[in-house]
Each structure stands twice: as C-alpha cells, then as structure tokens.
Amino acid sequence: MPGSKEIRSKIRSVQNTRKITKAMEMVAASKMRKAQERMRASRPYAEKIRNVVAHISHANPEYRHPFLVERDTVKRIGIILVTTDKGLCGALNTNIQRLVLNKMKEWEAEGESFEVCCIGNKGLNFMQRLGANIVSQVTQLGDKPQLEKLIGAVKVMLDGYTEGRFDRVVLFYTKFINTMRQEPVAEQLLPLSGERVGLPEGSWDYIYEPDARVVLDQVLTRYIEAIIYQALCENMASEQSARMVAMKAASDNAATVIDELTLVYNKARQAAITKELSEIVGGAAAVDAA
C-alpha cells in the first residue's frame, strides 16, 4: 500500500485536474448557448434560399446550370470534411472520421478516387495521416465562424466540379440534435438533388435579368456557401455540447477518484495510528514486566 504522503499527493493532483475540467465545462456551457443561437439564426436564410433553389431546379430555364446536372458516371468524388480545431470533445471527431473512412473504403472498392477539402484542424490531421489528396483547407476558425474564411477553400471544390475534376461532391459534418446527441452525417452537395433540395410546393418560373447564366451562377454559389456555413454552425454547436458533456463526465470521475483515494488514505492513516498504539502498549507492558 502506498504511503500517506503519496496518497495525499495523488489527491491534490486529482483535485487540481478537477478544477480544470470544471472550469472547461462552464466555459463550454457558455459557448454552447451562443453557438446554438448562431446555428438557429442561420437557419431561416438557409431554408429560404433552399426553397428558391428547389423551384429553380424544377424550372425550365434556357440555361441548365452544371450544379443541377446529374453525371452519367461517378469516378471522382470531392469530399468536404468539417471537424473541430480543438479536442476534448468526446467521440465527436472520431465518429465523423469513422464515417468518412468507411465511405472512402466503399468508393475505393468501386474504383472511385477522391480529393478532400478539410475544414478544421482535426480533420486535416486525420486526412494527412491517411495520405489523402488534400486540395484545400481552412483551420483556426475560432468560436465565431466567418463565411469569408470559408469561401476560398469551398471555391476550389466548386471549380473542380464545374471543370469536371469531380463527378460528385459530398459534405461530411456533425449535425446538432440536442445537448446529449450529435449525429455524424454525409450529404450530397453536388449535383443539387435529393432530400436537401426537396420538391417545391408549387410550380414557379422566373424571368432572369441580365440572363439565366449570371443569375444562376450567383444564386447557386450562394446556396452552396450557405449549406456549408450552416454545417459549420451545426458542427460548432455539437462541439461545445460534446465538450461540456465530456468535461462534466471528467469532473464527476475525478470526484469519484478523490473519494476513493480519501478512503484509502484514511485506512492507511488508521493502520499507522493503530500500529503506533500497539508499539506504545507493547513497550509499556514490557516496562511493567521488568
């Protein structure tokens, strides 16, 4: 059994660690509320522009934008991976990385190649370890994501799709469900189709000024940027929620360890006292016998 001094040292060490995790839990709780407000504030614009794009995708303009055209064969895939810059947020990054890795294995088995855009330091490090072809990246976005910082990295992927380097672009991020649940998702970003765009409630058509090409280029590019920005806001809300839960679990575990070490310390101290009393009583008995 370790000595009392060693046990006291361990208790102090765990107490100091618990102070840190408790402080991080409180900071994450504060940031989580702000991140959730930012995420909810971005939803109305994303929903409105999604509605417009749904009508555009089912309209019959004289110009068909490349973002709306399905490719006959898919041989090259562009991946946009959204992760966090920092750790200590539980299995958040591990879950999305596992999803990406499984998809990449499926695509490789089908003979498809891929290039990657990494948003977030954890995803960048993961892809570098895999040896993936990283064509663009953006890290250190801070607690308040700015769309201006994303545009450059996203444009590389959009240009790649327009130029024919990619036949499909897939977005990976962690969707915020609630404080205790965050879900890794993979969504097809390009071509624009499927559940993300949906079906319009009615049939609209448009008059384009100056022409359909200019208007659709602007609208669809803004839409893609809005989707990615919304995904980043969802990911940041998920990050702070996961970090708060992880730090709370760490604080609770530290409290349990402190209680266990305190019990061990008290037992060791009691045994030491009992031993000293026994020696004193034995010594006194020996003196009396003499």
C-alpha atoms as a PDB file:
ATOM      1  CA  MET A   1       0.000   0.000   0.000  1.00  0.00           C
ATOM      2  CA  PRO A   2       1.415   3.459  -0.874  1.00  0.00           C
ATOM      3  CA  GLY A   3       2.350   5.764   1.944  1.00  0.00           C
ATOM      4  CA  SER A   4       0.180   8.587   3.240  1.00  0.00           C
ATOM      5  CA  LYS A   5       2.362  11.225   1.598  1.00  0.00           C
ATOM      6  CA  GLU A   6       1.985   9.632  -1.844  1.00  0.00           C
ATOM      7  CA  ILE A   7      -1.786   9.341  -1.430  1.00  0.00           C
ATOM      8  CA  ARG A   8      -2.077  13.000  -0.379  1.00  0.00           C
ATOM      9  CA  SER A   9      -0.049  13.982  -3.439  1.00  0.00           C
ATOM     10  CA  LYS A  10      -2.385  11.989  -5.720  1.00  0.00           C
ATOM     11  CA  ILE A  11      -5.455  13.569  -4.109  1.00  0.00           C
ATOM     12  CA  ARG A  12      -4.091  17.076  -4.677  1.00  0.00           C
ATOM     13  CA  SER A  13      -3.238  16.204  -8.274  1.00  0.00           C
ATOM     14  CA  VAL A  14      -6.760  14.915  -8.998  1.00  0.00           C
ATOM     15  CA  GLN A  15      -8.282  17.936  -7.254  1.00  0.00           C
ATOM     16  CA  ASN A  16      -6.279  20.275  -9.477  1.00  0.00           C
ATOM     17  CA  THR A  17      -7.365  18.327 -12.562  1.00  0.00           C
ATOM     18  CA  ARG A  18     -10.994  18.518 -11.437  1.00  0.00           C
ATOM     19  CA  LYS A  19     -10.744  22.300 -11.112  1.00  0.00           C
ATOM     20  CA  ILE A  20      -9.560  22.496 -14.731  1.00  0.00           C
ATOM     21  CA  THR A  21     -12.274  20.191 -16.094  1.00  0.00           C
ATOM     22  CA  LYS A  22     -14.951  22.023 -14.093  1.00  0.00           C
ATOM     23  CA  ALA A  23     -13.807  25.366 -15.496  1.00  0.00           C
ATOM     24  CA  MET A  24     -13.773  23.937 -19.038  1.00  0.00           C
ATOM     25  CA  GLU A  25     -17.276  22.566 -18.511  1.00  0.00           C
ATOM     26  CA  MET A  26     -18.578  26.008 -17.522  1.00  0.00           C
ATOM     27  CA  VAL A  27     -16.832  27.708 -20.452  1.00  0.00           C
ATOM     28  CA  ALA A  28     -18.219  25.112 -22.879  1.00  0.00           C
ATOM     29  CA  ALA A  29     -21.727  25.598 -21.473  1.00  0.00           C
ATOM     30  CA  SER A  30     -21.494  29.340 -22.098  1.00  0.00           C
ATOM     31  CA  LYS A  31     -20.116  28.876 -25.623  1.00  0.00           C
ATOM     32  CA  MET A  32     -22.701  26.188 -26.347  1.00  0.00           C
ATOM     33  CA  ARG A  33     -25.600  28.599 -25.815  1.00  0.00           C
ATOM     34  CA  LYS A  34     -24.020  31.154 -28.135  1.00  0.00           C
ATOM     35  CA  ALA A  35     -23.241  28.502 -30.751  1.00  0.00           C
ATOM     36  CA  GLN A  36     -26.825  27.235 -30.655  1.00  0.00           C
ATOM     37  CA  GLU A  37     -28.168  30.770 -31.065  1.00  0.00           C
ATOM     38  CA  ARG A  38     -25.839  31.295 -34.045  1.00  0.00           C
ATOM     39  CA  MET A  39     -26.935  27.983 -35.554  1.00  0.00           C
ATOM     40  CA  ARG A  40     -30.639  28.816 -35.185  1.00  0.00           C
ATOM     41  CA  ALA A  41     -30.107  32.324 -36.558  1.00  0.00           C
ATOM     42  CA  SER A  42     -28.594  30.911 -39.757  1.00  0.00           C
ATOM     43  CA  ARG A  43     -31.469  28.505 -40.403  1.00  0.00           C
ATOM     44  CA  PRO A  44     -34.110  30.958 -41.784  1.00  0.00           C
ATOM     45  CA  TYR A  45     -31.796  32.181 -44.566  1.00  0.00           C
ATOM     46  CA  ALA A  46     -30.707  28.633 -45.394  1.00  0.00           C
ATOM     47  CA  GLU A  47     -34.321  27.470 -45.542  1.00  0.00           C
ATOM     48  CA  LYS A  48     -35.428  30.388 -47.726  1.00  0.00           C
ATOM     49  CA  ILE A  49     -32.625  30.011 -50.266  1.00  0.00           C
ATOM     50  CA  ARG A  50     -33.243  26.241 -50.264  1.00  0.00           C
ATOM     51  CA  ASN A  51     -36.849  26.965 -51.243  1.00  0.00           C
ATOM     52  CA  VAL A  52     -35.696  29.197 -54.096  1.00  0.00           C
ATOM     53  CA  VAL A  53     -33.228  26.584 -55.346  1.00  0.00           C
ATOM     54  CA  ALA A  54     -35.923  23.890 -55.176  1.00  0.00           C
ATOM     55  CA  HIS A  55     -38.044  25.949 -57.569  1.00  0.00           C
ATOM     56  CA  ILE A  56     -35.072  26.718 -59.813  1.00  0.00           C
ATOM     57  CA  SER A  57     -34.117  23.047 -60.031  1.00  0.00           C
ATOM     58  CA  HIS A  58     -37.604  22.166 -61.300  1.00  0.00           C
ATOM     59  CA  ALA A  59     -37.994  25.169 -63.598  1.00  0.00           C
ATOM     60  CA  ASN A  60     -37.189  25.089 -67.296  1.00  0.00           C
ATOM     61  CA  PRO A  61     -34.752  27.909 -67.993  1.00  0.00           C
ATOM     62  CA  GLU A  62     -32.894  28.282 -71.257  1.00  0.00           C
ATOM     63  CA  TYR A  63     -29.661  27.616 -69.377  1.00  0.00           C
ATOM     64  CA  ARG A  64     -29.068  24.467 -67.320  1.00  0.00           C
ATOM     65  CA  HIS A  65     -26.501  25.106 -64.624  1.00  0.00           C
ATOM     66  CA  PRO A  66     -23.776  22.428 -64.128  1.00  0.00           C
ATOM     67  CA  PHE A  67     -24.690  22.196 -60.422  1.00  0.00           C
ATOM     68  CA  LEU A  68     -28.128  20.852 -61.413  1.00  0.00           C
ATOM     69  CA  VAL A  69     -26.950  18.278 -63.967  1.00  0.00           C
ATOM     70  CA  GLU A  70     -26.526  14.668 -62.885  1.00  0.00           C
ATOM     71  CA  ARG A  71     -23.398  12.950 -64.215  1.00  0.00           C
ATOM     72  CA  ASP A  72     -23.822   9.669 -66.069  1.00  0.00           C
ATOM     73  CA  THR A  73     -20.911   8.005 -64.269  1.00  0.00           C
ATOM     74  CA  VAL A  74     -19.191   8.819 -60.989  1.00  0.00           C
ATOM     75  CA  LYS A  75     -15.437   8.201 -60.998  1.00  0.00           C
ATOM     76  CA  ARG A  76     -14.115  11.108 -58.951  1.00  0.00           C
ATOM     77  CA  ILE A  77     -15.585  12.420 -55.692  1.00  0.00           C
ATOM     78  CA  GLY A  78     -14.851  15.635 -53.831  1.00  0.00           C
ATOM     79  CA  ILE A  79     -15.051  15.383 -50.039  1.00  0.00           C
ATOM     80  CA  ILE A  80     -15.655  18.376 -47.762  1.00  0.00           C
ATOM     81  CA  LEU A  81     -14.924  17.298 -44.180  1.00  0.00           C
ATOM     82  CA  VAL A  82     -15.990  19.566 -41.306  1.00  0.00           C
ATOM     83  CA  THR A  83     -14.367  18.851 -37.933  1.00  0.00           C
ATOM     84  CA  THR A  84     -13.212  20.847 -34.904  1.00  0.00           C
ATOM     85  CA  ASP A  85      -9.918  22.653 -34.391  1.00  0.00           C
ATOM     86  CA  LYS A  86      -9.593  21.504 -30.771  1.00  0.00           C
ATOM     87  CA  GLY A  87     -10.025  18.231 -28.934  1.00  0.00           C
ATOM     88  CA  LEU A  88     -11.500  17.266 -25.550  1.00  0.00           C
ATOM     89  CA  CYS A  89     -14.976  16.891 -27.027  1.00  0.00           C
ATOM     90  CA  GLY A  90     -15.570  13.197 -26.556  1.00  0.00           C
ATOM     91  CA  ALA A  91     -16.066  10.983 -29.603  1.00  0.00           C
ATOM     92  CA  LEU A  92     -17.334  13.837 -31.813  1.00  0.00           C
ATOM     93  CA  ASN A  93     -14.416  13.863 -34.260  1.00  0.00           C
ATOM     94  CA  THR A  94     -13.869  10.114 -34.052  1.00  0.00           C
ATOM     95  CA  ASN A  95     -17.446   9.403 -35.184  1.00  0.00           C
ATOM     96  CA  ILE A  96     -17.309  11.668 -38.252  1.00  0.00           C
ATOM     97  CA  GLN A  97     -13.837  10.401 -39.157  1.00  0.00           C
ATOM     98  CA  ARG A  98     -15.068   6.805 -38.941  1.00  0.00           C
ATOM     99  CA  LEU A  99     -17.984   7.651 -41.238  1.00  0.00           C
ATOM    100  CA  VAL A 100     -15.654   9.291 -43.781  1.00  0.00           C
ATOM    101  CA  LEU A 101     -13.221   6.381 -43.651  1.00  0.00           C
ATOM    102  CA  ASN A 102     -15.976   3.809 -44.267  1.00  0.00           C
ATOM    103  CA  LYS A 103     -17.287   5.815 -47.233  1.00  0.00           C
ATOM    104  CA  MET A 104     -13.793   6.165 -48.673  1.00  0.00           C
ATOM    105  CA  LYS A 105     -13.289   2.388 -48.454  1.00  0.00           C
ATOM    106  CA  GLU A 106     -16.602   1.833 -50.260  1.00  0.00           C
ATOM    107  CA  TRP A 107     -15.649   4.271 -53.019  1.00  0.00           C
ATOM    108  CA  GLU A 108     -12.204   2.726 -53.415  1.00  0.00           C
ATOM    109  CA  ALA A 109     -13.798  -0.718 -53.754  1.00  0.00           C
ATOM    110  CA  GLU A 110     -15.937   0.696 -56.587  1.00  0.00           C
ATOM    111  CA  GLY A 111     -12.881   2.146 -58.322  1.00  0.00           C
ATOM    112  CA  GLU A 112     -13.650   5.757 -57.455  1.00  0.00           C
ATOM    113  CA  SER A 113     -10.985   8.297 -56.485  1.00  0.00           C
ATOM    114  CA  PHE A 114     -11.416  11.355 -54.292  1.00  0.00           C
ATOM    115  CA  GLU A 115      -9.943  14.685 -53.294  1.00  0.00           C
ATOM    116  CA  VAL A 116     -10.512  16.354 -49.947  1.00  0.00           C
ATOM    117  CA  CYS A 117     -11.260  19.811 -48.568  1.00  0.00           C
ATOM    118  CA  CYS A 118     -10.655  19.945 -44.809  1.00  0.00           C
ATOM    119  CA  ILE A 119     -12.432  22.458 -42.569  1.00  0.00           C
ATOM    120  CA  GLY A 120     -10.983  22.109 -39.086  1.00  0.00           C
ATOM    121  CA  ASN A 121      -7.605  21.021 -37.770  1.00  0.00           C
ATOM    122  CA  LYS A 122      -8.647  17.559 -36.555  1.00  0.00           C
ATOM    123  CA  GLY A 123      -9.939  16.536 -39.963  1.00  0.00           C
ATOM    124  CA  LEU A 124      -6.835  17.938 -41.647  1.00  0.00           C
ATOM    125  CA  ASN A 125      -4.536  15.883 -39.412  1.00  0.00           C
ATOM    126  CA  PHE A 126      -6.667  12.787 -39.987  1.00  0.00           C
ATOM    127  CA  MET A 127      -6.525  13.109 -43.770  1.00  0.00           C
ATOM    128  CA  GLN A 128      -2.783  13.791 -43.688  1.00  0.00           C
ATOM    129  CA  ARG A 129      -2.248  10.568 -41.737  1.00  0.00           C
ATOM    130  CA  LEU A 130      -4.308   8.691 -44.334  1.00  0.00           C
ATOM    131  CA  GLY A 131      -2.236  10.216 -47.128  1.00  0.00           C
ATOM    132  CA  ALA A 132      -5.347  11.589 -48.860  1.00  0.00           C
ATOM    133  CA  ASN A 133      -5.120  14.158 -51.668  1.00  0.00           C
ATOM    134  CA  ILE A 134      -5.947  17.424 -49.849  1.00  0.00           C
ATOM    135  CA  VAL A 135      -6.706  20.188 -52.361  1.00  0.00           C
ATOM    136  CA  SER A 136      -7.855  22.912 -49.929  1.00  0.00           C
ATOM    137  CA  GLN A 137      -8.072  23.539 -46.217  1.00  0.00           C
ATOM    138  CA  VAL A 138      -9.100  26.101 -43.637  1.00  0.00           C
ATOM    139  CA  THR A 139      -8.368  25.907 -39.909  1.00  0.00           C
ATOM    140  CA  GLN A 140      -8.419  28.093 -36.797  1.00  0.00           C
ATOM    141  CA  LEU A 141     -11.899  29.468 -37.450  1.00  0.00           C
ATOM    142  CA  GLY A 142     -12.423  30.436 -33.812  1.00  0.00           C
ATOM    143  CA  ASP A 143     -15.707  30.400 -31.923  1.00  0.00           C
ATOM    144  CA  LYS A 144     -17.474  32.693 -34.420  1.00  0.00           C
ATOM    145  CA  PRO A 145     -17.202  31.268 -37.943  1.00  0.00           C
ATOM    146  CA  GLN A 146     -16.886  33.812 -40.735  1.00  0.00           C
ATOM    147  CA  LEU A 147     -18.128  32.954 -44.209  1.00  0.00           C
ATOM    148  CA  GLU A 148     -15.278  34.967 -45.745  1.00  0.00           C
ATOM    149  CA  LYS A 149     -12.757  32.462 -44.395  1.00  0.00           C
ATOM    150  CA  LEU A 150     -14.603  29.546 -45.995  1.00  0.00           C
ATOM    151  CA  ILE A 151     -15.115  30.947 -49.484  1.00  0.00           C
ATOM    152  CA  GLY A 152     -11.587  30.259 -50.768  1.00  0.00           C
ATOM    153  CA  ALA A 153     -11.492  26.598 -49.734  1.00  0.00           C
ATOM    154  CA  VAL A 154     -15.054  25.992 -50.927  1.00  0.00           C
ATOM    155  CA  LYS A 155     -14.423  27.669 -54.292  1.00  0.00           C
ATOM    156  CA  VAL A 156     -11.677  25.148 -55.056  1.00  0.00           C
ATOM    157  CA  MET A 157     -14.239  22.353 -54.754  1.00  0.00           C
ATOM    158  CA  LEU A 158     -16.933  24.172 -56.725  1.00  0.00           C
ATOM    159  CA  ASP A 159     -14.488  24.977 -59.519  1.00  0.00           C
ATOM    160  CA  GLY A 160     -13.340  21.360 -59.534  1.00  0.00           C
ATOM    161  CA  TYR A 161     -16.916  20.193 -60.053  1.00  0.00           C
ATOM    162  CA  THR A 162     -17.601  22.766 -62.763  1.00  0.00           C
ATOM    163  CA  GLU A 163     -14.377  21.860 -64.580  1.00  0.00           C
ATOM    164  CA  GLY A 164     -15.168  18.145 -64.426  1.00  0.00           C
ATOM    165  CA  ARG A 165     -12.480  17.106 -61.892  1.00  0.00           C
ATOM    166  CA  PHE A 166     -15.283  15.793 -59.649  1.00  0.00           C
ATOM    167  CA  ASP A 167     -18.457  13.990 -60.607  1.00  0.00           C
ATOM    168  CA  ARG A 168     -19.939  14.430 -57.150  1.00  0.00           C
ATOM    169  CA  VAL A 169     -19.214  16.481 -54.013  1.00  0.00           C
ATOM    170  CA  VAL A 170     -20.145  15.099 -50.585  1.00  0.00           C
ATOM    171  CA  LEU A 171     -20.276  17.091 -47.352  1.00  0.00           C
ATOM    172  CA  PHE A 172     -19.453  15.428 -44.011  1.00  0.00           C
ATOM    173  CA  TYR A 173     -20.244  17.157 -40.723  1.00  0.00           C
ATOM    174  CA  THR A 174     -21.788  16.543 -37.300  1.00  0.00           C
ATOM    175  CA  LYS A 175     -25.436  17.550 -37.029  1.00  0.00           C
ATOM    176  CA  PHE A 176     -26.688  19.004 -33.746  1.00  0.00           C
ATOM    177  CA  ILE A 177     -29.725  17.093 -32.457  1.00  0.00           C
ATOM    178  CA  ASN A 178     -29.712  18.140 -28.800  1.00  0.00           C
ATOM    179  CA  THR A 179     -27.226  18.693 -25.998  1.00  0.00           C
ATOM    180  CA  MET A 180     -26.750  14.977 -25.400  1.00  0.00           C
ATOM    181  CA  ARG A 181     -26.888  13.802 -29.012  1.00  0.00           C
ATOM    182  CA  GLN A 182     -24.881  14.776 -32.083  1.00  0.00           C
ATOM    183  CA  GLU A 183     -25.128  12.781 -35.280  1.00  0.00           C
ATOM    184  CA  PRO A 184     -22.430  12.441 -37.991  1.00  0.00           C
ATOM    185  CA  VAL A 185     -23.994  12.845 -41.426  1.00  0.00           C
ATOM    186  CA  ALA A 186     -22.929  12.656 -45.067  1.00  0.00           C
ATOM    187  CA  GLU A 187     -24.891  14.761 -47.554  1.00  0.00           C
ATOM    188  CA  GLN A 188     -24.528  15.042 -51.297  1.00  0.00           C
ATOM    189  CA  LEU A 189     -23.674  18.654 -52.016  1.00  0.00           C
ATOM    190  CA  LEU A 190     -23.356  18.476 -55.792  1.00  0.00           C
ATOM    191  CA  PRO A 191     -25.193  17.863 -58.020  1.00  0.00           C
ATOM    192  CA  LEU A 192     -28.108  19.578 -56.286  1.00  0.00           C
ATOM    193  CA  SER A 193     -30.759  16.944 -55.810  1.00  0.00           C
ATOM    194  CA  GLY A 194     -32.304  14.667 -53.236  1.00  0.00           C
ATOM    195  CA  GLU A 195     -33.723  15.493 -49.825  1.00  0.00           C
ATOM    196  CA  ARG A 196     -31.604  18.604 -49.305  1.00  0.00           C
ATOM    197  CA  VAL A 197     -33.303  20.463 -52.165  1.00  0.00           C
ATOM    198  CA  GLY A 198     -36.662  18.708 -51.990  1.00  0.00           C
ATOM    199  CA  LEU A 199     -39.720  19.352 -54.097  1.00  0.00           C
ATOM    200  CA  PRO A 200     -41.322  22.798 -54.404  1.00  0.00           C
ATOM    201  CA  GLU A 201     -44.863  23.223 -53.145  1.00  0.00           C
ATOM    202  CA  GLY A 202     -45.941  24.856 -56.382  1.00  0.00           C
ATOM    203  CA  SER A 203     -44.639  25.455 -59.855  1.00  0.00           C
ATOM    204  CA  TRP A 204     -42.688  28.688 -60.306  1.00  0.00           C
ATOM    205  CA  ASP A 205     -40.814  30.063 -63.242  1.00  0.00           C
ATOM    206  CA  TYR A 206     -38.514  33.071 -63.451  1.00  0.00           C
ATOM    207  CA  ILE A 207     -37.555  35.909 -65.688  1.00  0.00           C
ATOM    208  CA  TYR A 208     -33.773  36.243 -65.488  1.00  0.00           C
ATOM    209  CA  GLU A 209     -32.072  39.630 -65.703  1.00  0.00           C
ATOM    210  CA  PRO A 210     -29.476  40.114 -67.146  1.00  0.00           C
ATOM    211  CA  ASP A 211     -29.522  36.414 -68.139  1.00  0.00           C
ATOM    212  CA  ALA A 212     -30.006  32.960 -66.634  1.00  0.00           C
ATOM    213  CA  ARG A 213     -26.284  32.098 -66.533  1.00  0.00           C
ATOM    214  CA  VAL A 214     -25.274  35.102 -64.405  1.00  0.00           C
ATOM    215  CA  VAL A 215     -28.223  34.799 -62.021  1.00  0.00           C
ATOM    216  CA  LEU A 216     -27.942  31.043 -61.508  1.00  0.00           C
ATOM    217  CA  ASP A 217     -24.179  31.216 -61.007  1.00  0.00           C
ATOM    218  CA  GLN A 218     -24.686  33.702 -58.182  1.00  0.00           C
ATOM    219  CA  VAL A 219     -27.729  32.113 -56.573  1.00  0.00           C
ATOM    220  CA  LEU A 220     -26.460  28.525 -56.612  1.00  0.00           C
ATOM    221  CA  THR A 221     -22.995  29.517 -55.391  1.00  0.00           C
ATOM    222  CA  ARG A 222     -24.565  31.462 -52.505  1.00  0.00           C
ATOM    223  CA  TYR A 223     -26.722  28.433 -51.766  1.00  0.00           C
ATOM    224  CA  ILE A 224     -23.744  26.067 -51.574  1.00  0.00           C
ATOM    225  CA  GLU A 225     -21.914  28.529 -49.318  1.00  0.00           C
ATOM    226  CA  ALA A 226     -24.998  28.801 -47.101  1.00  0.00           C
ATOM    227  CA  ILE A 227     -25.188  24.990 -46.793  1.00  0.00           C
ATOM    228  CA  ILE A 228     -21.535  24.749 -45.762  1.00  0.00           C
ATOM    229  CA  TYR A 229     -21.824  27.669 -43.337  1.00  0.00           C
ATOM    230  CA  GLN A 230     -24.895  26.060 -41.779  1.00  0.00           C
ATOM    231  CA  ALA A 231     -22.987  22.768 -41.480  1.00  0.00           C
ATOM    232  CA  LEU A 232     -20.133  24.584 -39.753  1.00  0.00           C
ATOM    233  CA  CYS A 233     -22.556  26.229 -37.296  1.00  0.00           C
ATOM    234  CA  GLU A 234     -24.135  22.832 -36.587  1.00  0.00           C
ATOM    235  CA  ASN A 235     -20.688  21.324 -36.049  1.00  0.00           C
ATOM    236  CA  MET A 236     -19.632  24.086 -33.645  1.00  0.00           C
ATOM    237  CA  ALA A 237     -22.825  23.729 -31.603  1.00  0.00           C
ATOM    238  CA  SER A 238     -22.182  19.983 -31.488  1.00  0.00           C
ATOM    239  CA  GLU A 239     -18.567  20.595 -30.444  1.00  0.00           C
ATOM    240  CA  GLN A 240     -19.438  22.770 -27.455  1.00  0.00           C
ATOM    241  CA  SER A 241     -22.223  20.407 -26.354  1.00  0.00           C
ATOM    242  CA  ALA A 242     -19.942  17.386 -26.597  1.00  0.00           C
ATOM    243  CA  ARG A 243     -17.152  19.208 -24.765  1.00  0.00           C
ATOM    244  CA  MET A 244     -19.478  20.254 -21.950  1.00  0.00           C
ATOM    245  CA  VAL A 245     -20.722  16.672 -21.519  1.00  0.00           C
ATOM    246  CA  ALA A 246     -17.186  15.253 -21.691  1.00  0.00           C
ATOM    247  CA  MET A 247     -15.841  17.723 -19.132  1.00  0.00           C
ATOM    248  CA  LYS A 248     -18.782  17.065 -16.802  1.00  0.00           C
ATOM    249  CA  ALA A 249     -18.084  13.338 -17.003  1.00  0.00           C
ATOM    250  CA  ALA A 250     -14.391  14.012 -16.314  1.00  0.00           C
ATOM    251  CA  SER A 251     -15.277  16.173 -13.292  1.00  0.00           C
ATOM    252  CA  ASP A 252     -17.621  13.502 -11.926  1.00  0.00           C
ATOM    253  CA  ASN A 253     -14.983  10.812 -12.421  1.00  0.00           C
ATOM    254  CA  ALA A 254     -12.406  12.989 -10.669  1.00  0.00           C
ATOM    255  CA  ALA A 255     -14.764  13.399  -7.700  1.00  0.00           C
ATOM    256  CA  THR A 256     -15.178   9.601  -7.532  1.00  0.00           C
ATOM    257  CA  VAL A 257     -11.405   9.086  -7.651  1.00  0.00           C
ATOM    258  CA  ILE A 258     -10.906  11.661  -4.876  1.00  0.00           C
ATOM    259  CA  ASP A 259     -13.437   9.847  -2.683  1.00  0.00           C
ATOM    260  CA  GLU A 260     -11.708   6.508  -3.300  1.00  0.00           C
ATOM    261  CA  LEU A 261      -8.252   7.940  -2.604  1.00  0.00           C
ATOM    262  CA  THR A 262      -9.515   9.641   0.546  1.00  0.00           C
ATOM    263  CA  LEU A 263     -10.864   6.313   1.785  1.00  0.00           C
ATOM    264  CA  VAL A 264      -7.528   4.629   1.073  1.00  0.00           C
ATOM    265  CA  TYR A 265      -5.709   7.490   2.819  1.00  0.00           C
ATOM    266  CA  ASN A 266      -7.925   7.199   5.904  1.00  0.00           C
ATOM    267  CA  LYS A 267      -7.380   3.441   6.048  1.00  0.00           C
ATOM    268  CA  ALA A 268      -3.603   3.870   5.742  1.00  0.00           C
ATOM    269  CA  ARG A 269      -3.634   6.593   8.386  1.00  0.00           C
ATOM    270  CA  GLN A 270      -5.780   4.461  10.709  1.00  0.00           C
ATOM    271  CA  ALA A 271      -3.439   1.499  10.234  1.00  0.00           C
ATOM    272  CA  ALA A 272      -0.427   3.680  11.030  1.00  0.00           C
ATOM    273  CA  ILE A 273      -2.084   5.013  14.182  1.00  0.00           C
ATOM    274  CA  THR A 274      -3.082   1.501  15.277  1.00  0.00           C
ATOM    275  CA  LYS A 275       0.483   0.311  14.724  1.00  0.00           C
ATOM    276  CA  GLU A 276       1.905   3.160  16.798  1.00  0.00           C
ATOM    277  CA  LEU A 277      -0.579   2.490  19.613  1.00  0.00           C
ATOM    278  CA  SER A 278       0.306  -1.194  19.571  1.00  0.00           C
ATOM    279  CA  GLU A 279       4.008  -0.356  19.835  1.00  0.00           C
ATOM    280  CA  ILE A 280       3.338   2.027  22.719  1.00  0.00           C
ATOM    281  CA  VAL A 281       1.177  -0.501  24.575  1.00  0.00           C
ATOM    282  CA  GLY A 282       3.739  -3.253  23.951  1.00  0.00           C
ATOM    283  CA  GLY A 283       6.556  -1.054  25.198  1.00  0.00           C
ATOM    284  CA  ALA A 284       4.625  -0.112  28.329  1.00  0.00           C
ATOM    285  CA  ALA A 285       3.848  -3.766  29.039  1.00  0.00           C
ATOM    286  CA  ALA A 286       7.495  -4.651  28.663  1.00  0.00           C
ATOM    287  CA  VAL A 287       8.480  -1.908  31.128  1.00  0.00           C
ATOM    288  CA  ASP A 288       5.897  -3.052  33.680  1.00  0.00           C
ATOM    289  CA  ALA A 289       7.061  -6.641  33.369  1.00  0.00           C
ATOM    290  CA  ALA A 290      10.620  -5.565  34.002  1.00  0.00           C
END
